[in-house]
């Protein structure tokens, strides 16, 4: 998981909420604990794709207290060699199944405005732009757009 996280941050530094340096500084044990703590439960979950001995993708889901019927999809990533393979759909489907099992019928995610590749990929998976725009959490000059779909 640590290797995948470092790859995610190096490949798409604006999409995630930490730097490569911060992630690299965390010990392997912390990654193992994080994976174990998000493997069960109904408030937060992480899903990884292991299509052949090396993790190639990740997607997480969490709940917002203000919208308990909604799962926020976060930290979505597919390794470059697996893009276009259907792995993204599999990861989002895993989050959606978990969301439904937890009684949350809707998914929401945020995409940096201008990240057209991700926007189109999410559109193909049934996400619709809600028109809501929010500031990027770490780069105030950037904006993210919200997309939603049924779980």
C-alpha atoms as a PDB file:
ATOM      1  CA  UNK A   1       0.000   0.000   0.000  1.00  0.00           C
ATOM      2  CA  UNK A   2       2.867   2.356   0.764  1.00  0.00           C
ATOM      3  CA  UNK A   3       4.329   1.883  -2.734  1.00  0.00           C
ATOM      4  CA  UNK A   4       0.926   2.509  -4.317  1.00  0.00           C
ATOM      5  CA  UNK A   5       0.387   5.647  -2.213  1.00  0.00           C
ATOM      6  CA  UNK A   6       3.767   7.054  -3.233  1.00  0.00           C
ATOM      7  CA  UNK A   7       2.957   6.301  -6.882  1.00  0.00           C
ATOM      8  CA  UNK A   8      -0.420   8.034  -6.539  1.00  0.00           C
ATOM      9  CA  UNK A   9       1.168  11.164  -5.111  1.00  0.00           C
ATOM     10  CA  UNK A  10       3.981  11.289  -7.668  1.00  0.00           C
ATOM     11  CA  UNK A  11       1.582  10.781 -10.588  1.00  0.00           C
ATOM     12  CA  UNK A  12      -1.223  13.110  -9.465  1.00  0.00           C
ATOM     13  CA  UNK A  13       0.063  15.459  -6.751  1.00  0.00           C
ATOM     14  CA  UNK A  14      -2.961  17.780  -6.782  1.00  0.00           C
ATOM     15  CA  UNK A  15      -5.511  14.993  -6.432  1.00  0.00           C
ATOM     16  CA  UNK A  16      -4.557  13.904  -2.936  1.00  0.00           C
ATOM     17  CA  UNK A  17      -4.194  15.677   0.380  1.00  0.00           C
ATOM     18  CA  UNK A  18      -0.569  15.004   1.233  1.00  0.00           C
ATOM     19  CA  UNK A  19       2.843  15.315  -0.338  1.00  0.00           C
ATOM     20  CA  UNK A  20       5.130  12.540  -1.493  1.00  0.00           C
ATOM     21  CA  UNK A  21       7.602  13.584   1.216  1.00  0.00           C
ATOM     22  CA  UNK A  22       4.992  13.296   3.965  1.00  0.00           C
ATOM     23  CA  UNK A  23       3.824   9.900   2.713  1.00  0.00           C
ATOM     24  CA  UNK A  24       7.385   8.616   2.343  1.00  0.00           C
ATOM     25  CA  UNK A  25       8.164   9.648   5.916  1.00  0.00           C
ATOM     26  CA  UNK A  26       5.434   7.434   7.355  1.00  0.00           C
ATOM     27  CA  UNK A  27       6.617   3.936   8.351  1.00  0.00           C
ATOM     28  CA  UNK A  28       5.237   0.745   6.793  1.00  0.00           C
ATOM     29  CA  UNK A  29       3.549  -0.113  10.084  1.00  0.00           C
ATOM     30  CA  UNK A  30       1.391   2.994   9.826  1.00  0.00           C
ATOM     31  CA  UNK A  31       0.203   1.941   6.367  1.00  0.00           C
ATOM     32  CA  UNK A  32      -0.596  -1.543   7.643  1.00  0.00           C
ATOM     33  CA  UNK A  33      -2.571  -0.101  10.552  1.00  0.00           C
ATOM     34  CA  UNK A  34      -4.481   2.241   8.250  1.00  0.00           C
ATOM     35  CA  UNK A  35      -5.411  -0.585   5.876  1.00  0.00           C
ATOM     36  CA  UNK A  36      -6.523  -2.775   8.780  1.00  0.00           C
ATOM     37  CA  UNK A  37      -8.627  -0.019  10.321  1.00  0.00           C
ATOM     38  CA  UNK A  38     -10.450   0.692   7.056  1.00  0.00           C
ATOM     39  CA  UNK A  39     -11.065  -2.928   6.140  1.00  0.00           C
ATOM     40  CA  UNK A  40     -14.233  -3.217   8.207  1.00  0.00           C
ATOM     41  CA  UNK A  41     -16.972  -0.908   9.372  1.00  0.00           C
ATOM     42  CA  UNK A  42     -19.532   1.411   7.899  1.00  0.00           C
ATOM     43  CA  UNK A  43     -17.939   4.859   8.244  1.00  0.00           C
ATOM     44  CA  UNK A  44     -14.826   4.572   6.093  1.00  0.00           C
ATOM     45  CA  UNK A  45     -13.405   1.946   3.765  1.00  0.00           C
ATOM     46  CA  UNK A  46     -10.569   1.556   1.297  1.00  0.00           C
ATOM     47  CA  UNK A  47     -10.500  -0.763  -1.689  1.00  0.00           C
ATOM     48  CA  UNK A  48      -7.389  -1.772  -3.610  1.00  0.00           C
ATOM     49  CA  UNK A  49      -6.939  -3.584  -6.891  1.00  0.00           C
ATOM     50  CA  UNK A  50      -4.354  -6.353  -7.033  1.00  0.00           C
ATOM     51  CA  UNK A  51      -4.574  -7.747 -10.548  1.00  0.00           C
ATOM     52  CA  UNK A  52      -1.356  -9.719 -10.294  1.00  0.00           C
ATOM     53  CA  UNK A  53       0.943  -9.289  -7.329  1.00  0.00           C
ATOM     54  CA  UNK A  54       1.287  -5.512  -7.345  1.00  0.00           C
ATOM     55  CA  UNK A  55      -1.384  -3.067  -6.260  1.00  0.00           C
ATOM     56  CA  UNK A  56      -2.618  -1.142  -9.295  1.00  0.00           C
ATOM     57  CA  UNK A  57      -5.492   0.940  -7.987  1.00  0.00           C
ATOM     58  CA  UNK A  58      -7.264   2.415  -4.996  1.00  0.00           C
ATOM     59  CA  UNK A  59     -10.598   3.988  -4.075  1.00  0.00           C
ATOM     60  CA  UNK A  60     -11.973   4.928  -0.705  1.00  0.00           C
ATOM     61  CA  UNK A  61     -15.372   5.776   0.659  1.00  0.00           C
ATOM     62  CA  UNK A  62     -16.452   7.711   3.712  1.00  0.00           C
ATOM     63  CA  UNK A  63     -19.574   9.242   5.185  1.00  0.00           C
ATOM     64  CA  UNK A  64     -20.291  12.886   5.957  1.00  0.00           C
ATOM     65  CA  UNK A  65     -22.252  13.556   9.150  1.00  0.00           C
ATOM     66  CA  UNK A  66     -24.174  16.278   7.299  1.00  0.00           C
ATOM     67  CA  UNK A  67     -25.364  13.839   4.592  1.00  0.00           C
ATOM     68  CA  UNK A  68     -25.693  10.375   6.155  1.00  0.00           C
ATOM     69  CA  UNK A  69     -27.307   8.906   3.013  1.00  0.00           C
ATOM     70  CA  UNK A  70     -24.228   9.772   0.923  1.00  0.00           C
ATOM     71  CA  UNK A  71     -20.854   8.110   0.474  1.00  0.00           C
ATOM     72  CA  UNK A  72     -17.986  10.368  -0.538  1.00  0.00           C
ATOM     73  CA  UNK A  73     -15.640   8.572  -2.915  1.00  0.00           C
ATOM     74  CA  UNK A  74     -12.053   9.686  -2.328  1.00  0.00           C
ATOM     75  CA  UNK A  75      -8.434   8.923  -3.240  1.00  0.00           C
ATOM     76  CA  UNK A  76      -9.336   7.269  -6.525  1.00  0.00           C
ATOM     77  CA  UNK A  77      -6.324   6.163  -8.515  1.00  0.00           C
ATOM     78  CA  UNK A  78      -5.450   3.663 -11.228  1.00  0.00           C
ATOM     79  CA  UNK A  79      -1.833   3.035 -12.229  1.00  0.00           C
ATOM     80  CA  UNK A  80      -1.055   4.307 -15.735  1.00  0.00           C
ATOM     81  CA  UNK A  81      -0.573   0.816 -17.163  1.00  0.00           C
ATOM     82  CA  UNK A  82      -4.069  -0.182 -16.038  1.00  0.00           C
ATOM     83  CA  UNK A  83      -5.970   2.911 -17.172  1.00  0.00           C
ATOM     84  CA  UNK A  84      -8.694   2.051 -19.660  1.00  0.00           C
ATOM     85  CA  UNK A  85      -8.777  -1.572 -18.483  1.00  0.00           C
ATOM     86  CA  UNK A  86     -12.004  -1.393 -16.474  1.00  0.00           C
ATOM     87  CA  UNK A  87     -10.144  -1.284 -13.163  1.00  0.00           C
ATOM     88  CA  UNK A  88     -11.597   2.137 -12.332  1.00  0.00           C
ATOM     89  CA  UNK A  89     -15.135   0.797 -12.770  1.00  0.00           C
ATOM     90  CA  UNK A  90     -14.308  -2.185 -10.558  1.00  0.00           C
ATOM     91  CA  UNK A  91     -12.997   0.059  -7.784  1.00  0.00           C
ATOM     92  CA  UNK A  92     -15.973   2.423  -7.935  1.00  0.00           C
ATOM     93  CA  UNK A  93     -18.325  -0.570  -8.022  1.00  0.00           C
ATOM     94  CA  UNK A  94     -16.677  -1.887  -4.845  1.00  0.00           C
ATOM     95  CA  UNK A  95     -17.225   1.457  -3.093  1.00  0.00           C
ATOM     96  CA  UNK A  96     -20.820   1.532  -4.392  1.00  0.00           C
ATOM     97  CA  UNK A  97     -21.563  -1.983  -3.101  1.00  0.00           C
ATOM     98  CA  UNK A  98     -20.153  -1.087   0.308  1.00  0.00           C
ATOM     99  CA  UNK A  99     -22.184   2.141   0.303  1.00  0.00           C
ATOM    100  CA  UNK A 100     -25.422   0.298  -0.471  1.00  0.00           C
ATOM    101  CA  UNK A 101     -24.672  -2.328   2.187  1.00  0.00           C
ATOM    102  CA  UNK A 102     -24.293   0.535   4.689  1.00  0.00           C
ATOM    103  CA  UNK A 103     -27.637   2.016   3.661  1.00  0.00           C
ATOM    104  CA  UNK A 104     -26.242   4.913   1.651  1.00  0.00           C
ATOM    105  CA  UNK A 105     -27.806   5.033  -1.837  1.00  0.00           C
ATOM    106  CA  UNK A 106     -25.729   7.866  -3.332  1.00  0.00           C
ATOM    107  CA  UNK A 107     -22.080   8.501  -4.220  1.00  0.00           C
ATOM    108  CA  UNK A 108     -20.334  11.865  -4.537  1.00  0.00           C
ATOM    109  CA  UNK A 109     -16.808  12.749  -5.569  1.00  0.00           C
ATOM    110  CA  UNK A 110     -14.854  15.882  -6.345  1.00  0.00           C
ATOM    111  CA  UNK A 111     -12.628  16.502  -9.357  1.00  0.00           C
ATOM    112  CA  UNK A 112     -10.239  19.401  -9.938  1.00  0.00           C
ATOM    113  CA  UNK A 113     -11.734  21.724 -12.541  1.00  0.00           C
ATOM    114  CA  UNK A 114      -9.681  21.186 -15.697  1.00  0.00           C
ATOM    115  CA  UNK A 115      -8.888  17.516 -15.030  1.00  0.00           C
ATOM    116  CA  UNK A 116     -10.827  16.524 -18.125  1.00  0.00           C
ATOM    117  CA  UNK A 117      -9.475  12.959 -18.237  1.00  0.00           C
ATOM    118  CA  UNK A 118     -10.851  12.176 -14.781  1.00  0.00           C
ATOM    119  CA  UNK A 119     -14.075  14.081 -15.460  1.00  0.00           C
ATOM    120  CA  UNK A 120     -14.770  12.038 -18.613  1.00  0.00           C
ATOM    121  CA  UNK A 121     -13.890   8.779 -16.862  1.00  0.00           C
ATOM    122  CA  UNK A 122     -16.359   9.512 -14.062  1.00  0.00           C
ATOM    123  CA  UNK A 123     -19.022  10.543 -16.585  1.00  0.00           C
ATOM    124  CA  UNK A 124     -18.633   7.136 -18.270  1.00  0.00           C
ATOM    125  CA  UNK A 125     -19.290   5.571 -14.858  1.00  0.00           C
ATOM    126  CA  UNK A 126     -22.564   7.459 -14.492  1.00  0.00           C
ATOM    127  CA  UNK A 127     -21.459  10.427 -12.396  1.00  0.00           C
ATOM    128  CA  UNK A 128     -23.149  13.740 -13.212  1.00  0.00           C
ATOM    129  CA  UNK A 129     -21.764  17.214 -12.602  1.00  0.00           C
ATOM    130  CA  UNK A 130     -23.976  18.820  -9.938  1.00  0.00           C
ATOM    131  CA  UNK A 131     -22.877  22.364 -10.710  1.00  0.00           C
ATOM    132  CA  UNK A 132     -21.445  22.704  -7.195  1.00  0.00           C
ATOM    133  CA  UNK A 133     -17.936  24.154  -7.064  1.00  0.00           C
ATOM    134  CA  UNK A 134     -15.751  24.148  -3.964  1.00  0.00           C
ATOM    135  CA  UNK A 135     -12.240  25.404  -3.214  1.00  0.00           C
ATOM    136  CA  UNK A 136      -9.460  22.835  -3.529  1.00  0.00           C
ATOM    137  CA  UNK A 137      -8.562  21.743   0.034  1.00  0.00           C
ATOM    138  CA  UNK A 138      -4.832  22.459  -0.279  1.00  0.00           C
ATOM    139  CA  UNK A 139      -4.451  24.829  -3.252  1.00  0.00           C
ATOM    140  CA  UNK A 140      -6.774  27.813  -2.693  1.00  0.00           C
ATOM    141  CA  UNK A 141      -6.361  29.091  -6.272  1.00  0.00           C
ATOM    142  CA  UNK A 142      -7.908  25.873  -7.633  1.00  0.00           C
ATOM    143  CA  UNK A 143     -11.522  24.741  -7.690  1.00  0.00           C
ATOM    144  CA  UNK A 144     -13.084  21.303  -7.555  1.00  0.00           C
ATOM    145  CA  UNK A 145     -16.425  20.284  -9.001  1.00  0.00           C
ATOM    146  CA  UNK A 146     -18.794  17.799  -7.400  1.00  0.00           C
ATOM    147  CA  UNK A 147     -20.221  14.828  -9.274  1.00  0.00           C
ATOM    148  CA  UNK A 148     -22.881  12.420  -8.011  1.00  0.00           C
ATOM    149  CA  UNK A 149     -24.530   9.155  -8.988  1.00  0.00           C
ATOM    150  CA  UNK A 150     -26.581   6.404  -7.450  1.00  0.00           C
ATOM    151  CA  UNK A 151     -24.654   3.797  -5.531  1.00  0.00           C
END
